[in-house]
């Protein structure tokens, strides 16, 4: 028998943005995007690529252990620490901090079948206000 699957196994793979599902309170939703989550030893590696509303291409990659511990992160003047937490097999969150203050939370939730992932990004501004952007991604099925 093989090893049991890790609790985060449902998140692994490539996900494709469904642009019509985007509800953005900050900025304009992207035209297209992919979201890849892979194991990298004991860590999870996130690679997000998207085409912005103005047609420009963007990409971001980050990694961390899904243990809830905030670790130093080189995010310039916006983020100096980050944590990744597996809340449940259907709820994976990351948080970004600046000088000990939580500034951003990304919640990834799988649907009951594991075919869709809803990503809610909440940004907290210095003035106490916040904005949320929501998008749904469909699991990519290789052809």
N, C-alpha and C. Protein backbone atom coordinates (compact mmCIF):
# COMPACT_ATOMS: atom_id res chain seq x y z
N UNK A 1 0.84 -1.19 0.00
CA UNK A 1 0.00 0.00 0.00
C UNK A 1 0.88 1.24 0.00
N UNK A 2 0.38 2.31 -0.65
CA UNK A 2 1.12 3.55 -0.71
C UNK A 2 0.92 4.38 0.55
N UNK A 3 1.66 5.45 0.58
CA UNK A 3 1.53 6.41 1.68
C UNK A 3 0.16 7.08 1.62
N UNK A 4 -0.42 7.41 2.77
CA UNK A 4 -1.70 8.15 2.72
C UNK A 4 -1.46 9.55 2.15
N UNK A 5 -2.48 10.06 1.48
CA UNK A 5 -2.37 11.40 0.90
C UNK A 5 -2.31 12.45 2.01
N UNK A 6 -1.52 13.50 1.82
CA UNK A 6 -1.49 14.57 2.82
C UNK A 6 -2.83 15.30 2.84
N UNK A 7 -3.13 15.94 3.96
CA UNK A 7 -4.41 16.64 4.12
C UNK A 7 -4.60 17.74 3.08
N UNK A 8 -3.51 18.29 2.55
CA UNK A 8 -3.60 19.38 1.56
C UNK A 8 -3.68 18.86 0.12
N UNK A 9 -3.75 17.54 -0.09
CA UNK A 9 -3.69 16.94 -1.42
C UNK A 9 -4.74 17.48 -2.39
N UNK A 10 -5.91 17.82 -1.89
CA UNK A 10 -6.98 18.31 -2.77
C UNK A 10 -6.65 19.62 -3.45
N UNK A 11 -5.70 20.38 -2.89
CA UNK A 11 -5.33 21.68 -3.47
C UNK A 11 -4.26 21.56 -4.55
N UNK A 12 -3.55 20.44 -4.57
CA UNK A 12 -2.43 20.29 -5.49
C UNK A 12 -2.91 20.22 -6.93
N UNK A 13 -2.15 20.86 -7.81
CA UNK A 13 -2.46 20.82 -9.23
C UNK A 13 -2.54 22.22 -9.82
N UNK A 14 -3.06 22.27 -11.03
CA UNK A 14 -3.21 23.53 -11.75
C UNK A 14 -4.68 23.87 -11.84
N UNK A 15 -4.98 25.12 -11.58
CA UNK A 15 -6.34 25.64 -11.57
C UNK A 15 -6.44 26.77 -12.58
N UNK A 16 -7.57 26.85 -13.28
CA UNK A 16 -7.77 27.86 -14.32
C UNK A 16 -8.88 28.81 -13.88
N UNK A 17 -8.60 30.10 -13.94
CA UNK A 17 -9.55 31.13 -13.54
C UNK A 17 -10.79 31.12 -14.43
N UNK A 18 -11.96 31.25 -13.80
CA UNK A 18 -13.21 31.49 -14.50
C UNK A 18 -13.49 32.99 -14.36
N UNK A 19 -13.07 33.80 -15.33
CA UNK A 19 -13.13 35.27 -15.18
C UNK A 19 -14.53 35.79 -14.86
N UNK A 20 -15.57 35.11 -15.34
CA UNK A 20 -16.93 35.59 -15.09
C UNK A 20 -17.33 35.48 -13.63
N UNK A 21 -16.56 34.76 -12.82
CA UNK A 21 -16.88 34.62 -11.40
C UNK A 21 -16.27 35.71 -10.53
N UNK A 22 -15.40 36.52 -11.10
CA UNK A 22 -14.66 37.52 -10.31
C UNK A 22 -15.57 38.62 -9.78
N UNK A 23 -15.44 38.87 -8.50
CA UNK A 23 -16.10 39.99 -7.84
C UNK A 23 -15.00 40.73 -7.09
N UNK A 24 -14.61 41.89 -7.61
CA UNK A 24 -13.47 42.63 -7.06
C UNK A 24 -13.92 43.94 -6.43
N UNK A 25 -13.48 44.18 -5.21
CA UNK A 25 -13.69 45.47 -4.54
C UNK A 25 -12.48 46.38 -4.72
N UNK A 26 -11.33 45.79 -5.08
CA UNK A 26 -10.11 46.56 -5.29
C UNK A 26 -9.55 46.20 -6.65
N UNK A 27 -9.39 47.19 -7.52
CA UNK A 27 -8.84 46.95 -8.84
C UNK A 27 -9.83 46.28 -9.78
N UNK A 28 -9.36 46.00 -10.98
CA UNK A 28 -10.18 45.35 -11.99
C UNK A 28 -9.84 43.87 -12.04
N UNK A 29 -10.81 43.01 -12.26
CA UNK A 29 -10.52 41.58 -12.33
C UNK A 29 -9.66 41.25 -13.55
N UNK A 30 -8.88 40.18 -13.45
CA UNK A 30 -8.05 39.78 -14.58
C UNK A 30 -8.87 39.19 -15.72
N UNK A 31 -8.27 39.19 -16.90
CA UNK A 31 -8.90 38.58 -18.08
C UNK A 31 -8.79 37.06 -18.04
N UNK A 32 -7.66 36.59 -17.50
CA UNK A 32 -7.38 35.14 -17.47
C UNK A 32 -6.35 34.89 -16.38
N UNK A 33 -6.24 33.63 -15.97
CA UNK A 33 -5.22 33.31 -14.99
C UNK A 33 -5.13 31.82 -14.69
N UNK A 34 -4.00 31.43 -14.15
CA UNK A 34 -3.81 30.07 -13.66
C UNK A 34 -3.20 30.13 -12.28
N UNK A 35 -3.46 29.11 -11.51
CA UNK A 35 -3.04 29.03 -10.11
C UNK A 35 -2.50 27.62 -9.93
N UNK A 36 -1.21 27.49 -9.65
CA UNK A 36 -0.61 26.17 -9.51
C UNK A 36 -0.12 26.01 -8.07
N UNK A 37 -0.48 24.88 -7.46
CA UNK A 37 -0.04 24.57 -6.10
C UNK A 37 0.67 23.22 -6.16
N UNK A 38 1.93 23.21 -5.73
CA UNK A 38 2.75 22.01 -5.80
C UNK A 38 3.44 21.77 -4.47
N UNK A 39 3.77 20.52 -4.21
CA UNK A 39 4.60 20.21 -3.05
C UNK A 39 6.05 20.49 -3.40
N UNK A 40 6.77 21.04 -2.45
CA UNK A 40 8.19 21.34 -2.59
C UNK A 40 8.84 20.90 -1.29
N UNK A 41 9.11 19.61 -1.16
CA UNK A 41 9.56 19.05 0.11
C UNK A 41 8.40 19.15 1.10
N UNK A 42 8.66 19.73 2.26
CA UNK A 42 7.61 19.90 3.27
C UNK A 42 6.79 21.17 3.04
N UNK A 43 7.16 21.94 2.03
CA UNK A 43 6.47 23.21 1.75
C UNK A 43 5.49 23.05 0.59
N UNK A 44 4.63 24.04 0.46
CA UNK A 44 3.76 24.17 -0.70
C UNK A 44 4.27 25.36 -1.51
N UNK A 45 4.34 25.19 -2.81
CA UNK A 45 4.76 26.28 -3.71
C UNK A 45 3.54 26.73 -4.51
N UNK A 46 3.29 28.01 -4.49
CA UNK A 46 2.18 28.64 -5.19
C UNK A 46 2.75 29.44 -6.35
N UNK A 47 2.24 29.22 -7.55
CA UNK A 47 2.63 29.99 -8.72
C UNK A 47 1.35 30.49 -9.36
N UNK A 48 1.21 31.80 -9.40
CA UNK A 48 -0.01 32.42 -9.92
C UNK A 48 0.38 33.29 -11.11
N UNK A 49 -0.23 33.03 -12.26
CA UNK A 49 -0.01 33.81 -13.48
C UNK A 49 -1.34 34.39 -13.89
N UNK A 50 -1.34 35.64 -14.34
CA UNK A 50 -2.60 36.23 -14.80
C UNK A 50 -2.36 37.30 -15.85
N UNK A 51 -3.40 37.54 -16.63
CA UNK A 51 -3.42 38.62 -17.60
C UNK A 51 -4.37 39.67 -17.03
N UNK A 52 -3.81 40.84 -16.74
CA UNK A 52 -4.59 41.92 -16.14
C UNK A 52 -5.62 42.46 -17.13
N UNK A 53 -6.53 43.26 -16.62
CA UNK A 53 -7.58 43.86 -17.45
C UNK A 53 -6.99 44.67 -18.60
N UNK A 54 -5.80 45.25 -18.39
CA UNK A 54 -5.16 46.05 -19.46
C UNK A 54 -4.32 45.21 -20.41
N UNK A 55 -4.32 43.88 -20.23
CA UNK A 55 -3.61 42.99 -21.14
C UNK A 55 -2.18 42.65 -20.73
N UNK A 56 -1.68 43.23 -19.65
CA UNK A 56 -0.31 42.93 -19.22
C UNK A 56 -0.25 41.62 -18.45
N UNK A 57 0.84 40.90 -18.63
CA UNK A 57 1.04 39.60 -17.97
C UNK A 57 1.75 39.81 -16.64
N UNK A 58 1.34 39.05 -15.64
CA UNK A 58 1.93 39.12 -14.30
C UNK A 58 2.12 37.71 -13.76
N UNK A 59 3.04 37.57 -12.82
CA UNK A 59 3.26 36.28 -12.17
C UNK A 59 3.82 36.52 -10.77
N UNK A 60 3.46 35.63 -9.86
CA UNK A 60 4.01 35.66 -8.51
C UNK A 60 4.19 34.22 -8.05
N UNK A 61 5.27 33.98 -7.33
CA UNK A 61 5.53 32.66 -6.76
C UNK A 61 5.95 32.84 -5.31
N UNK A 62 5.42 31.99 -4.45
CA UNK A 62 5.85 31.98 -3.05
C UNK A 62 5.67 30.57 -2.52
N UNK A 63 6.33 30.29 -1.43
CA UNK A 63 6.27 28.93 -0.87
C UNK A 63 6.37 29.02 0.65
N UNK A 64 5.88 27.99 1.30
CA UNK A 64 5.99 27.91 2.75
C UNK A 64 5.36 26.63 3.26
N UNK A 65 5.70 26.30 4.47
CA UNK A 65 5.13 25.12 5.11
C UNK A 65 3.71 25.47 5.57
N UNK A 66 2.75 24.57 5.37
CA UNK A 66 1.37 24.85 5.79
C UNK A 66 1.14 24.57 7.28
N UNK A 67 1.98 25.21 8.12
CA UNK A 67 1.95 24.95 9.56
C UNK A 67 1.45 26.13 10.39
N UNK A 68 1.06 27.24 9.72
CA UNK A 68 0.53 28.38 10.44
C UNK A 68 1.56 29.30 11.06
N UNK A 69 2.85 28.98 10.91
CA UNK A 69 3.90 29.79 11.52
C UNK A 69 4.32 30.90 10.56
N UNK A 70 4.31 32.15 11.05
CA UNK A 70 4.74 33.28 10.23
C UNK A 70 6.27 33.26 10.14
N UNK A 71 6.77 33.34 8.92
CA UNK A 71 8.21 33.34 8.67
C UNK A 71 8.58 34.58 7.88
N UNK A 72 9.84 35.04 7.99
CA UNK A 72 10.26 36.22 7.23
C UNK A 72 10.01 36.03 5.73
N UNK A 73 9.62 37.13 5.09
CA UNK A 73 9.31 37.12 3.66
C UNK A 73 9.82 38.42 3.06
N UNK A 74 10.50 38.33 1.94
CA UNK A 74 11.05 39.52 1.28
C UNK A 74 10.00 40.13 0.37
N UNK A 75 9.09 40.91 0.96
CA UNK A 75 8.01 41.52 0.20
C UNK A 75 8.14 43.02 0.06
N UNK A 76 9.36 43.52 0.11
CA UNK A 76 9.58 44.96 -0.04
C UNK A 76 9.00 45.74 1.13
N UNK A 77 8.36 46.86 0.81
CA UNK A 77 7.79 47.73 1.84
C UNK A 77 6.36 47.36 2.20
N UNK A 78 5.88 46.20 1.73
CA UNK A 78 4.49 45.83 1.98
C UNK A 78 4.36 44.61 2.89
N UNK A 79 5.27 43.66 2.76
CA UNK A 79 5.15 42.40 3.49
C UNK A 79 6.53 41.99 4.01
N UNK A 80 6.61 41.70 5.32
CA UNK A 80 7.88 41.24 5.87
C UNK A 80 7.79 39.85 6.50
N UNK A 81 6.59 39.27 6.56
CA UNK A 81 6.41 37.91 7.06
C UNK A 81 5.16 37.32 6.43
N UNK A 82 5.13 35.98 6.42
CA UNK A 82 4.01 35.30 5.80
C UNK A 82 3.78 33.96 6.48
N UNK A 83 2.52 33.55 6.52
CA UNK A 83 2.19 32.22 7.06
C UNK A 83 1.25 31.52 6.09
N UNK A 84 1.30 30.18 6.12
CA UNK A 84 0.38 29.35 5.35
C UNK A 84 -0.22 28.36 6.34
N UNK A 85 -1.54 28.26 6.36
CA UNK A 85 -2.23 27.42 7.33
C UNK A 85 -3.23 26.52 6.63
N UNK A 86 -3.11 25.22 6.87
CA UNK A 86 -4.12 24.28 6.40
C UNK A 86 -5.17 24.20 7.50
N UNK A 87 -6.29 24.89 7.30
CA UNK A 87 -7.36 24.93 8.29
C UNK A 87 -8.10 23.60 8.30
N UNK A 88 -8.32 23.06 7.11
CA UNK A 88 -8.98 21.76 6.94
C UNK A 88 -8.61 21.26 5.54
N UNK A 89 -8.95 20.02 5.19
CA UNK A 89 -8.66 19.54 3.84
C UNK A 89 -9.35 20.33 2.73
N UNK A 90 -10.28 21.21 3.08
CA UNK A 90 -10.97 22.04 2.08
C UNK A 90 -10.74 23.53 2.28
N UNK A 91 -9.83 23.92 3.21
CA UNK A 91 -9.61 25.34 3.53
C UNK A 91 -8.12 25.57 3.77
N UNK A 92 -7.47 26.26 2.84
CA UNK A 92 -6.04 26.55 2.90
C UNK A 92 -5.87 28.06 2.86
N UNK A 93 -5.20 28.61 3.85
CA UNK A 93 -5.08 30.08 3.94
C UNK A 93 -3.62 30.52 4.01
N UNK A 94 -3.39 31.70 3.51
CA UNK A 94 -2.09 32.33 3.70
C UNK A 94 -2.37 33.74 4.21
N UNK A 95 -1.42 34.24 4.99
CA UNK A 95 -1.54 35.58 5.53
C UNK A 95 -0.22 36.30 5.35
N UNK A 96 -0.30 37.58 5.03
CA UNK A 96 0.88 38.42 4.87
C UNK A 96 0.86 39.48 5.97
N UNK A 97 2.03 39.73 6.53
CA UNK A 97 2.17 40.65 7.67
C UNK A 97 3.18 41.74 7.36
N UNK A 98 2.97 42.88 7.97
CA UNK A 98 3.94 43.97 7.93
C UNK A 98 4.11 44.47 9.36
N UNK A 99 5.31 44.30 9.88
CA UNK A 99 5.65 44.73 11.24
C UNK A 99 4.67 44.18 12.27
N UNK A 100 4.33 42.90 12.11
CA UNK A 100 3.46 42.21 13.07
C UNK A 100 1.98 42.38 12.84
N UNK A 101 1.59 43.23 11.92
CA UNK A 101 0.18 43.46 11.62
C UNK A 101 -0.23 42.66 10.39
N UNK A 102 -1.32 41.90 10.52
CA UNK A 102 -1.83 41.15 9.37
C UNK A 102 -2.40 42.12 8.36
N UNK A 103 -1.87 42.09 7.13
CA UNK A 103 -2.31 43.02 6.09
C UNK A 103 -3.13 42.36 4.99
N UNK A 104 -2.93 41.04 4.80
CA UNK A 104 -3.64 40.37 3.72
C UNK A 104 -3.87 38.92 4.11
N UNK A 105 -5.06 38.42 3.76
CA UNK A 105 -5.38 37.01 3.95
C UNK A 105 -5.93 36.49 2.62
N UNK A 106 -5.43 35.34 2.20
CA UNK A 106 -5.98 34.66 1.03
C UNK A 106 -6.54 33.33 1.51
N UNK A 107 -7.84 33.16 1.32
CA UNK A 107 -8.51 31.92 1.71
C UNK A 107 -8.84 31.15 0.45
N UNK A 108 -8.40 29.90 0.39
CA UNK A 108 -8.69 29.02 -0.73
C UNK A 108 -9.62 27.93 -0.22
N UNK A 109 -10.80 27.83 -0.81
CA UNK A 109 -11.80 26.84 -0.38
C UNK A 109 -12.16 25.95 -1.55
N UNK A 110 -12.10 24.64 -1.31
CA UNK A 110 -12.50 23.67 -2.33
C UNK A 110 -13.99 23.39 -2.22
N UNK A 111 -14.64 23.17 -3.37
CA UNK A 111 -16.04 22.74 -3.35
C UNK A 111 -16.08 21.28 -2.88
N UNK A 112 -17.27 20.75 -2.70
CA UNK A 112 -17.44 19.41 -2.14
C UNK A 112 -16.77 18.33 -2.98
N UNK A 113 -16.71 18.51 -4.30
CA UNK A 113 -16.08 17.50 -5.17
C UNK A 113 -14.60 17.75 -5.39
N UNK A 114 -14.10 18.92 -5.02
CA UNK A 114 -12.70 19.24 -5.24
C UNK A 114 -12.39 19.67 -6.66
N UNK A 115 -13.43 20.04 -7.41
CA UNK A 115 -13.25 20.46 -8.80
C UNK A 115 -13.12 21.97 -8.96
N UNK A 116 -13.53 22.73 -7.95
CA UNK A 116 -13.48 24.18 -8.01
C UNK A 116 -12.84 24.71 -6.73
N UNK A 117 -12.09 25.79 -6.88
CA UNK A 117 -11.43 26.44 -5.75
C UNK A 117 -11.82 27.92 -5.75
N UNK A 118 -12.45 28.34 -4.68
CA UNK A 118 -12.83 29.74 -4.52
C UNK A 118 -11.71 30.42 -3.74
N UNK A 119 -11.18 31.51 -4.29
CA UNK A 119 -10.10 32.26 -3.65
C UNK A 119 -10.63 33.63 -3.25
N UNK A 120 -10.57 33.90 -1.96
CA UNK A 120 -10.98 35.21 -1.45
C UNK A 120 -9.75 35.88 -0.87
N UNK A 121 -9.40 37.04 -1.42
CA UNK A 121 -8.26 37.80 -0.93
C UNK A 121 -8.79 39.04 -0.22
N UNK A 122 -8.46 39.15 1.05
CA UNK A 122 -8.86 40.30 1.85
C UNK A 122 -7.64 41.13 2.16
N UNK A 123 -7.68 42.41 1.80
CA UNK A 123 -6.58 43.33 2.07
C UNK A 123 -7.04 44.32 3.13
N UNK A 124 -6.21 44.48 4.16
CA UNK A 124 -6.49 45.46 5.22
C UNK A 124 -5.57 46.65 5.02
N UNK A 125 -6.19 47.83 4.92
CA UNK A 125 -5.43 49.05 4.69
C UNK A 125 -5.06 49.71 6.02
N UNK A 126 -4.04 50.56 5.98
CA UNK A 126 -3.54 51.22 7.19
C UNK A 126 -4.62 52.07 7.87
N UNK A 127 -5.61 52.56 7.10
CA UNK A 127 -6.66 53.41 7.69
C UNK A 127 -7.78 52.61 8.35
N UNK A 128 -7.63 51.27 8.38
CA UNK A 128 -8.63 50.43 9.04
C UNK A 128 -9.69 49.88 8.10
N UNK A 129 -9.72 50.33 6.87
CA UNK A 129 -10.68 49.79 5.90
C UNK A 129 -10.12 48.52 5.27
N UNK A 130 -10.96 47.81 4.55
CA UNK A 130 -10.51 46.60 3.87
C UNK A 130 -11.26 46.43 2.56
N UNK A 131 -10.74 45.57 1.70
CA UNK A 131 -11.38 45.26 0.43
C UNK A 131 -11.16 43.78 0.15
N UNK A 132 -12.15 43.16 -0.46
CA UNK A 132 -12.04 41.73 -0.79
C UNK A 132 -12.21 41.52 -2.29
N UNK A 133 -11.41 40.62 -2.82
CA UNK A 133 -11.53 40.19 -4.21
C UNK A 133 -11.79 38.68 -4.18
N UNK A 134 -12.79 38.25 -4.95
CA UNK A 134 -13.18 36.84 -4.97
C UNK A 134 -13.13 36.34 -6.41
N UNK A 135 -12.59 35.12 -6.58
CA UNK A 135 -12.55 34.49 -7.89
C UNK A 135 -12.66 32.98 -7.71
N UNK A 136 -13.19 32.32 -8.72
CA UNK A 136 -13.31 30.86 -8.69
C UNK A 136 -12.42 30.30 -9.80
N UNK A 137 -11.71 29.25 -9.45
CA UNK A 137 -10.84 28.54 -10.38
C UNK A 137 -11.36 27.11 -10.53
N UNK A 138 -11.27 26.58 -11.74
CA UNK A 138 -11.67 25.21 -12.03
C UNK A 138 -10.41 24.37 -12.17
N UNK A 139 -10.42 23.17 -11.62
CA UNK A 139 -9.27 22.27 -11.74
C UNK A 139 -8.99 22.01 -13.21
N UNK A 140 -7.73 22.15 -13.60
CA UNK A 140 -7.32 21.90 -14.99
C UNK A 140 -7.22 20.39 -15.20
N UNK A 141 -7.90 19.94 -16.21
CA UNK A 141 -7.83 18.52 -16.57
C UNK A 141 -6.95 18.40 -17.80
N UNK A 142 -5.77 17.81 -17.64
CA UNK A 142 -4.87 17.69 -18.80
C UNK A 142 -5.54 16.93 -19.94
N UNK A 143 -5.26 17.36 -21.18
CA UNK A 143 -5.89 16.70 -22.32
C UNK A 143 -5.02 15.56 -22.83
